């Protein structure tokens, strides 16, 4: 399979800016978001318990690999998967900073 980023207009534009020594407009948001204190944390817990304790717009990166609801284990069985996911996605959006990123892995059925 060919590298799809080679024909992606957004990637080509960002590469052109970088090659010319210019910054994308989002760089201003990242600069504004810098703080004196940074914390890196990994939690092995129910994400809703953790997310509900975090302040709004306080997280720069969320990497999430939720259950895929493919019934391969006891913990991977949700009767209302979309409803369940909606709760933690709303909380993730609340805590994610405007300049933050959200990476999520998921099954193809969703």
N, C-alpha and C. Protein backbone atom coordinates (compact mmCIF):
# COMPACT_ATOMS: atom_id res chain seq x y z
N UNK A 1 0.85 -1.18 0.00
CA UNK A 1 0.00 0.00 0.00
C UNK A 1 0.89 1.24 0.00
N UNK A 2 0.55 2.18 -0.83
CA UNK A 2 1.31 3.43 -0.90
C UNK A 2 1.10 4.25 0.37
N UNK A 3 2.05 5.10 0.66
CA UNK A 3 1.94 5.99 1.82
C UNK A 3 0.91 7.06 1.50
N UNK A 4 -0.25 7.01 2.17
CA UNK A 4 -1.33 7.94 1.87
C UNK A 4 -1.00 9.38 2.25
N UNK A 5 -0.04 9.57 3.15
CA UNK A 5 0.29 10.93 3.56
C UNK A 5 0.94 11.71 2.42
N UNK A 6 1.48 11.00 1.42
CA UNK A 6 2.12 11.69 0.30
C UNK A 6 1.11 12.42 -0.57
N UNK A 7 -0.15 12.02 -0.52
CA UNK A 7 -1.17 12.71 -1.31
C UNK A 7 -2.17 13.46 -0.43
N UNK A 8 -1.88 13.56 0.85
CA UNK A 8 -2.76 14.25 1.79
C UNK A 8 -2.44 15.75 1.75
N UNK A 9 -3.41 16.55 1.36
CA UNK A 9 -3.19 18.00 1.21
C UNK A 9 -2.75 18.66 2.51
N UNK A 10 -3.31 18.22 3.63
CA UNK A 10 -2.91 18.78 4.92
C UNK A 10 -1.46 18.49 5.24
N UNK A 11 -1.03 17.25 5.02
CA UNK A 11 0.36 16.89 5.28
C UNK A 11 1.30 17.63 4.34
N UNK A 12 0.91 17.75 3.08
CA UNK A 12 1.77 18.44 2.12
C UNK A 12 1.91 19.92 2.50
N UNK A 13 0.81 20.51 2.97
CA UNK A 13 0.87 21.91 3.39
C UNK A 13 1.76 22.11 4.61
N UNK A 14 1.64 21.22 5.59
CA UNK A 14 2.49 21.31 6.79
C UNK A 14 3.96 21.12 6.42
N UNK A 15 4.23 20.16 5.53
CA UNK A 15 5.61 19.94 5.10
C UNK A 15 6.17 21.16 4.38
N UNK A 16 5.36 21.80 3.54
CA UNK A 16 5.80 22.99 2.81
C UNK A 16 6.13 24.12 3.80
N UNK A 17 5.27 24.29 4.83
CA UNK A 17 5.55 25.32 5.84
C UNK A 17 6.86 25.03 6.56
N UNK A 18 7.05 23.78 6.97
CA UNK A 18 8.26 23.41 7.70
C UNK A 18 9.51 23.64 6.84
N UNK A 19 9.44 23.27 5.57
CA UNK A 19 10.59 23.43 4.68
C UNK A 19 10.93 24.90 4.45
N UNK A 20 9.92 25.76 4.51
CA UNK A 20 10.17 27.19 4.29
C UNK A 20 10.51 27.91 5.59
N UNK A 21 10.55 27.17 6.71
CA UNK A 21 10.91 27.76 8.00
C UNK A 21 9.77 28.51 8.67
N UNK A 22 8.54 28.30 8.20
CA UNK A 22 7.38 28.97 8.79
C UNK A 22 6.64 28.01 9.71
N UNK A 23 5.85 28.58 10.60
CA UNK A 23 5.07 27.79 11.54
C UNK A 23 3.60 27.82 11.16
N UNK A 24 2.89 26.75 11.42
CA UNK A 24 1.45 26.69 11.23
C UNK A 24 0.78 27.56 12.28
N UNK A 25 -0.41 28.05 11.99
CA UNK A 25 -1.11 28.93 12.92
C UNK A 25 -1.39 28.25 14.26
N UNK A 26 -1.47 26.93 14.29
CA UNK A 26 -1.71 26.22 15.54
C UNK A 26 -0.53 26.33 16.50
N UNK A 27 0.64 26.68 16.01
CA UNK A 27 1.82 26.81 16.87
C UNK A 27 1.58 27.88 17.94
N UNK A 28 0.81 28.91 17.61
CA UNK A 28 0.49 29.95 18.59
C UNK A 28 -0.31 29.38 19.75
N UNK A 29 -1.25 28.48 19.45
CA UNK A 29 -2.07 27.86 20.50
C UNK A 29 -1.21 26.99 21.40
N UNK A 30 -0.28 26.26 20.81
CA UNK A 30 0.60 25.40 21.60
C UNK A 30 1.47 26.25 22.51
N UNK A 31 2.00 27.34 21.99
CA UNK A 31 2.85 28.23 22.78
C UNK A 31 2.05 28.82 23.95
N UNK A 32 0.80 29.20 23.68
CA UNK A 32 -0.06 29.77 24.70
C UNK A 32 -0.37 28.75 25.80
N UNK A 33 -0.41 27.47 25.45
CA UNK A 33 -0.79 26.43 26.39
C UNK A 33 0.35 25.98 27.30
N UNK A 34 1.56 26.43 27.05
CA UNK A 34 2.70 25.99 27.85
C UNK A 34 2.56 26.47 29.30
N UNK A 35 2.99 25.61 30.21
CA UNK A 35 2.94 25.95 31.63
C UNK A 35 4.29 25.67 32.26
N UNK A 36 4.44 26.09 33.49
CA UNK A 36 5.67 25.83 34.23
C UNK A 36 5.73 24.40 34.75
N UNK A 37 4.57 23.77 34.87
CA UNK A 37 4.51 22.43 35.44
C UNK A 37 3.87 21.47 34.45
N UNK A 38 4.49 20.34 34.25
CA UNK A 38 3.96 19.31 33.37
C UNK A 38 3.95 17.99 34.13
N UNK A 39 2.89 17.25 33.99
CA UNK A 39 2.76 15.95 34.61
C UNK A 39 2.47 14.91 33.54
N UNK A 40 3.14 13.79 33.59
CA UNK A 40 2.87 12.67 32.71
C UNK A 40 2.37 11.54 33.58
N UNK A 41 1.21 11.02 33.27
CA UNK A 41 0.62 9.99 34.11
C UNK A 41 0.01 8.88 33.28
N UNK A 42 0.11 7.68 33.79
CA UNK A 42 -0.56 6.52 33.20
C UNK A 42 -1.46 5.95 34.29
N UNK A 43 -2.72 5.75 33.97
CA UNK A 43 -3.67 5.24 34.95
C UNK A 43 -4.21 3.89 34.49
N UNK A 44 -4.27 2.95 35.39
CA UNK A 44 -4.95 1.68 35.16
C UNK A 44 -6.16 1.69 36.08
N UNK A 45 -7.22 2.30 35.59
CA UNK A 45 -8.42 2.48 36.40
C UNK A 45 -9.60 2.69 35.48
N UNK A 46 -10.77 2.75 36.04
CA UNK A 46 -11.95 3.10 35.26
C UNK A 46 -11.77 4.55 34.82
N UNK A 47 -11.79 4.78 33.53
CA UNK A 47 -11.49 6.11 33.00
C UNK A 47 -12.45 7.17 33.52
N UNK A 48 -13.71 6.82 33.73
CA UNK A 48 -14.66 7.82 34.24
C UNK A 48 -14.28 8.29 35.63
N UNK A 49 -13.78 7.39 36.46
CA UNK A 49 -13.34 7.77 37.80
C UNK A 49 -12.20 8.79 37.73
N UNK A 50 -11.28 8.57 36.82
CA UNK A 50 -10.13 9.48 36.67
C UNK A 50 -10.54 10.78 36.00
N UNK A 51 -11.26 10.69 34.89
CA UNK A 51 -11.63 11.89 34.13
C UNK A 51 -12.46 12.87 34.96
N UNK A 52 -13.36 12.35 35.76
CA UNK A 52 -14.24 13.22 36.56
C UNK A 52 -13.48 14.04 37.60
N UNK A 53 -12.28 13.62 37.94
CA UNK A 53 -11.47 14.35 38.92
C UNK A 53 -10.59 15.43 38.28
N UNK A 54 -10.51 15.46 36.96
CA UNK A 54 -9.63 16.40 36.27
C UNK A 54 -10.35 17.69 35.91
N UNK A 55 -9.64 18.82 35.98
CA UNK A 55 -10.27 20.09 35.61
C UNK A 55 -10.47 20.21 34.09
N UNK A 56 -11.39 21.07 33.71
CA UNK A 56 -11.66 21.34 32.29
C UNK A 56 -10.39 21.80 31.58
N UNK A 57 -10.25 21.42 30.33
CA UNK A 57 -9.17 21.89 29.45
C UNK A 57 -7.78 21.74 30.05
N UNK A 58 -7.55 20.64 30.77
CA UNK A 58 -6.28 20.51 31.49
C UNK A 58 -5.34 19.45 30.91
N UNK A 59 -5.76 18.73 29.89
CA UNK A 59 -4.98 17.62 29.38
C UNK A 59 -4.56 17.88 27.94
N UNK A 60 -3.28 17.67 27.65
CA UNK A 60 -2.76 17.89 26.30
C UNK A 60 -2.85 16.65 25.41
N UNK A 61 -2.83 15.46 26.01
CA UNK A 61 -2.86 14.23 25.22
C UNK A 61 -3.63 13.15 25.95
N UNK A 62 -4.57 12.54 25.23
CA UNK A 62 -5.28 11.38 25.73
C UNK A 62 -5.06 10.26 24.71
N UNK A 63 -4.53 9.14 25.18
CA UNK A 63 -4.38 7.95 24.34
C UNK A 63 -5.28 6.89 24.96
N UNK A 64 -6.21 6.39 24.17
CA UNK A 64 -7.24 5.52 24.71
C UNK A 64 -7.39 4.26 23.85
N UNK A 65 -7.38 3.11 24.49
CA UNK A 65 -7.61 1.83 23.83
C UNK A 65 -8.74 1.13 24.57
N UNK A 66 -9.99 1.57 24.31
CA UNK A 66 -11.12 1.03 25.07
C UNK A 66 -11.47 -0.39 24.63
N UNK A 67 -12.30 -1.08 25.41
CA UNK A 67 -12.80 -2.39 24.96
C UNK A 67 -13.52 -2.22 23.62
N UNK A 68 -13.42 -3.22 22.76
CA UNK A 68 -14.03 -3.14 21.43
C UNK A 68 -15.43 -3.74 21.39
N UNK A 69 -15.88 -4.30 22.51
CA UNK A 69 -17.20 -4.93 22.61
C UNK A 69 -17.34 -6.11 21.63
N UNK A 70 -16.28 -6.91 21.54
CA UNK A 70 -16.33 -8.08 20.66
C UNK A 70 -16.48 -9.38 21.44
N UNK A 71 -16.78 -9.24 22.74
CA UNK A 71 -17.15 -10.35 23.60
C UNK A 71 -16.05 -11.40 23.74
N UNK A 72 -14.80 -10.97 23.71
CA UNK A 72 -13.68 -11.89 23.86
C UNK A 72 -13.30 -12.09 25.34
N UNK A 73 -13.84 -11.27 26.22
CA UNK A 73 -13.55 -11.38 27.65
C UNK A 73 -14.73 -10.82 28.43
N UNK A 74 -14.80 -11.14 29.72
CA UNK A 74 -15.91 -10.66 30.56
C UNK A 74 -16.02 -9.15 30.56
N UNK A 75 -14.87 -8.45 30.60
CA UNK A 75 -14.86 -7.00 30.68
C UNK A 75 -15.17 -6.34 29.33
N UNK A 76 -15.30 -7.15 28.29
CA UNK A 76 -15.49 -6.62 26.93
C UNK A 76 -16.93 -6.87 26.44
N UNK A 77 -17.89 -6.71 27.32
CA UNK A 77 -19.28 -6.97 26.98
C UNK A 77 -20.14 -5.84 27.53
N UNK A 78 -20.56 -4.95 26.65
CA UNK A 78 -21.40 -3.81 27.05
C UNK A 78 -22.71 -3.89 26.26
N UNK A 79 -23.82 -4.00 26.97
CA UNK A 79 -25.12 -4.10 26.32
C UNK A 79 -25.38 -2.87 25.46
N UNK A 80 -25.12 -1.69 26.01
CA UNK A 80 -25.29 -0.43 25.27
C UNK A 80 -23.91 0.20 25.08
N UNK A 81 -23.15 -0.33 24.16
CA UNK A 81 -21.76 0.12 23.97
C UNK A 81 -21.68 1.61 23.62
N UNK A 82 -22.54 2.06 22.72
CA UNK A 82 -22.52 3.47 22.31
C UNK A 82 -22.86 4.37 23.50
N UNK A 83 -23.84 3.99 24.29
CA UNK A 83 -24.19 4.76 25.49
C UNK A 83 -23.04 4.80 26.48
N UNK A 84 -22.41 3.64 26.69
CA UNK A 84 -21.26 3.56 27.59
C UNK A 84 -20.13 4.45 27.11
N UNK A 85 -19.81 4.37 25.81
CA UNK A 85 -18.72 5.16 25.26
C UNK A 85 -19.03 6.65 25.29
N UNK A 86 -20.29 7.00 25.11
CA UNK A 86 -20.68 8.42 25.13
C UNK A 86 -20.29 9.08 26.45
N UNK A 87 -20.46 8.39 27.56
CA UNK A 87 -20.14 8.97 28.88
C UNK A 87 -18.67 9.35 28.98
N UNK A 88 -17.76 8.42 28.63
CA UNK A 88 -16.35 8.75 28.79
C UNK A 88 -15.84 9.66 27.68
N UNK A 89 -16.46 9.62 26.50
CA UNK A 89 -16.04 10.54 25.43
C UNK A 89 -16.40 11.99 25.79
N UNK A 90 -17.55 12.19 26.41
CA UNK A 90 -17.94 13.54 26.85
C UNK A 90 -16.94 14.06 27.88
N UNK A 91 -16.57 13.22 28.83
CA UNK A 91 -15.60 13.63 29.85
C UNK A 91 -14.21 13.87 29.24
N UNK A 92 -13.82 13.03 28.29
CA UNK A 92 -12.52 13.21 27.63
C UNK A 92 -12.50 14.55 26.90
N UNK A 93 -13.56 14.88 26.21
CA UNK A 93 -13.62 16.17 25.49
C UNK A 93 -13.57 17.34 26.47
N UNK A 94 -14.20 17.19 27.62
CA UNK A 94 -14.22 18.26 28.62
C UNK A 94 -12.83 18.56 29.14
N UNK A 95 -12.04 17.53 29.42
CA UNK A 95 -10.72 17.75 30.01
C UNK A 95 -9.64 18.05 28.96
N UNK A 96 -9.91 17.75 27.70
CA UNK A 96 -8.91 17.97 26.65
C UNK A 96 -8.74 19.46 26.37
N UNK A 97 -7.50 19.93 26.41
CA UNK A 97 -7.21 21.33 26.12
C UNK A 97 -7.49 21.62 24.64
N UNK A 98 -7.77 22.87 24.33
CA UNK A 98 -8.04 23.26 22.94
C UNK A 98 -6.88 22.91 22.02
N UNK A 99 -5.67 22.92 22.53
CA UNK A 99 -4.50 22.59 21.73
C UNK A 99 -4.08 21.13 21.91
N UNK A 100 -4.93 20.32 22.57
CA UNK A 100 -4.60 18.93 22.87
C UNK A 100 -4.93 17.98 21.73
N UNK A 101 -4.53 16.74 21.91
CA UNK A 101 -4.78 15.68 20.93
C UNK A 101 -5.40 14.48 21.63
N UNK A 102 -6.25 13.77 20.89
CA UNK A 102 -6.95 12.61 21.41
C UNK A 102 -6.73 11.47 20.42
N UNK A 103 -6.06 10.41 20.88
CA UNK A 103 -5.79 9.25 20.04
C UNK A 103 -6.63 8.10 20.59
N UNK A 104 -7.41 7.48 19.72
CA UNK A 104 -8.27 6.40 20.17
C UNK A 104 -8.14 5.21 19.22
N UNK A 105 -8.02 4.04 19.80
CA UNK A 105 -8.00 2.80 19.04
C UNK A 105 -9.41 2.21 19.13
N UNK A 106 -9.85 1.55 18.08
CA UNK A 106 -11.18 0.98 18.13
C UNK A 106 -11.40 -0.11 17.11
N UNK A 107 -12.46 -0.86 17.32
CA UNK A 107 -12.82 -1.91 16.38
C UNK A 107 -13.50 -1.32 15.15
N UNK A 108 -13.43 -2.04 14.07
CA UNK A 108 -13.99 -1.56 12.80
C UNK A 108 -15.51 -1.45 12.83
N UNK A 109 -16.18 -2.18 13.71
CA UNK A 109 -17.64 -2.14 13.74
C UNK A 109 -18.19 -0.80 14.22
N UNK A 110 -17.33 0.05 14.84
CA UNK A 110 -17.78 1.35 15.32
C UNK A 110 -17.07 2.46 14.59
